[in-house]
Amino acid sequence: MTESASLYIAHPRIMVLGVQPGTPPFRIMEIDGEVIGEARAITDVLLAAAAFGITVHDLDDPDVVRWVGGDKYTWTPHR
C-alpha cells in the first residue's frame, strides 16, 4: 500500500471532548494533547485557541478542531 492509497487521519491541535454533566454542562478541551480546561460554549473554544496562538477560521474543519461526542452545537448531555 502506498501512502497515497492510505486513509488520511487528521491530527488537529484542538480537541473538544463529549459533554459532561454539570451546572451548566461542559466539554473538556485539549490543545496539543494536553487538557487545558472546560468549554461551555463555542466562544470558550475560540478564546482558548486564541490564548494558545491558534487562529480558527472554520470550526468545521477536521484539520483544525476535532469534536468528540457531538458537533459545535452540542452543549447538553444526550439522554
Protein backbone atom coordinates (compact mmCIF):
# COMPACT_ATOMS: atom_id res chain seq x y z
CA MET A 1 0.00 0.00 0.00
CA THR A 2 1.36 3.38 -0.93
CA GLU A 3 0.98 6.49 1.16
CA SER A 4 -1.41 7.97 -1.37
CA ALA A 5 -3.68 4.92 -1.01
CA SER A 6 -3.78 5.05 2.79
CA LEU A 7 -6.51 6.77 4.73
CA TYR A 8 -5.82 10.30 5.89
CA ILE A 9 -6.34 10.86 9.61
CA ALA A 10 -6.34 14.44 10.81
CA HIS A 11 -4.45 15.28 13.98
CA PRO A 12 -5.85 18.68 14.85
CA ARG A 13 -4.28 20.79 17.58
CA ILE A 14 -7.70 21.32 19.22
CA MET A 15 -9.90 18.52 20.54
CA VAL A 16 -13.24 19.15 22.23
CA LEU A 17 -14.45 16.06 24.10
CA GLY A 18 -18.01 14.94 24.82
CA VAL A 19 -20.43 16.83 27.04
CA GLN A 20 -20.04 16.27 30.78
CA PRO A 21 -22.97 16.74 33.15
CA GLY A 22 -22.74 19.81 35.31
CA THR A 23 -24.43 23.08 36.07
CA PRO A 24 -24.02 24.18 33.35
CA PRO A 25 -22.84 21.19 31.27
CA PHE A 26 -19.33 21.50 29.84
CA ARG A 27 -16.89 19.86 27.44
CA ILE A 28 -13.26 19.18 28.28
CA MET A 29 -10.88 20.79 25.84
CA GLU A 30 -7.41 19.67 24.79
CA ILE A 31 -4.79 21.60 22.84
CA ASP A 32 -1.72 19.80 21.52
CA GLY A 33 -2.71 16.70 23.51
CA GLU A 34 -2.93 18.45 26.88
CA VAL A 35 -6.12 19.15 28.81
CA ILE A 36 -6.38 22.93 29.07
CA GLY A 37 -9.79 23.32 30.71
CA GLU A 38 -13.52 23.34 30.21
CA ALA A 39 -15.59 24.87 27.43
CA ARG A 40 -19.25 25.74 27.97
CA ALA A 41 -19.84 27.33 24.55
CA ILE A 42 -18.25 27.86 21.14
CA THR A 43 -16.81 31.17 22.34
CA ASP A 44 -14.82 29.33 25.04
CA VAL A 45 -13.24 27.18 22.33
CA LEU A 46 -12.30 30.23 20.26
CA LEU A 47 -10.93 32.13 23.27
CA ALA A 48 -8.81 29.18 24.41
CA ALA A 49 -7.47 28.67 20.88
CA ALA A 50 -6.53 32.35 20.67
CA ALA A 51 -4.79 32.15 24.06
CA PHE A 52 -2.59 29.39 22.61
CA GLY A 53 -1.92 31.37 19.43
CA ILE A 54 -4.24 29.33 17.22
CA THR A 55 -6.43 31.20 14.76
CA VAL A 56 -9.59 29.27 13.91
CA HIS A 57 -11.24 30.24 10.63
CA ASP A 58 -13.56 27.23 10.33
CA LEU A 59 -14.83 25.27 13.34
CA ASP A 60 -16.00 22.52 10.96
CA ASP A 61 -12.51 21.88 9.55
CA PRO A 62 -11.34 18.50 10.95
CA ASP A 63 -7.72 19.55 10.40
CA VAL A 64 -8.26 22.33 12.97
CA VAL A 65 -10.79 21.04 15.53
CA ARG A 66 -11.97 17.53 16.36
CA TRP A 67 -15.39 17.39 18.02
CA VAL A 68 -15.90 14.18 20.01
CA GLY A 69 -19.41 13.16 21.07
CA GLY A 70 -21.20 15.84 19.09
CA ASP A 71 -20.51 18.89 17.00
CA LYS A 72 -20.00 22.58 17.71
CA TYR A 73 -23.70 22.92 18.59
CA THR A 74 -23.74 20.08 21.15
CA TRP A 75 -23.54 21.57 24.64
CA THR A 76 -26.05 19.45 26.60
CA PRO A 77 -25.74 15.75 27.55
CA HIS A 78 -27.51 13.19 25.37
CA ARG A 79 -30.31 11.38 27.12
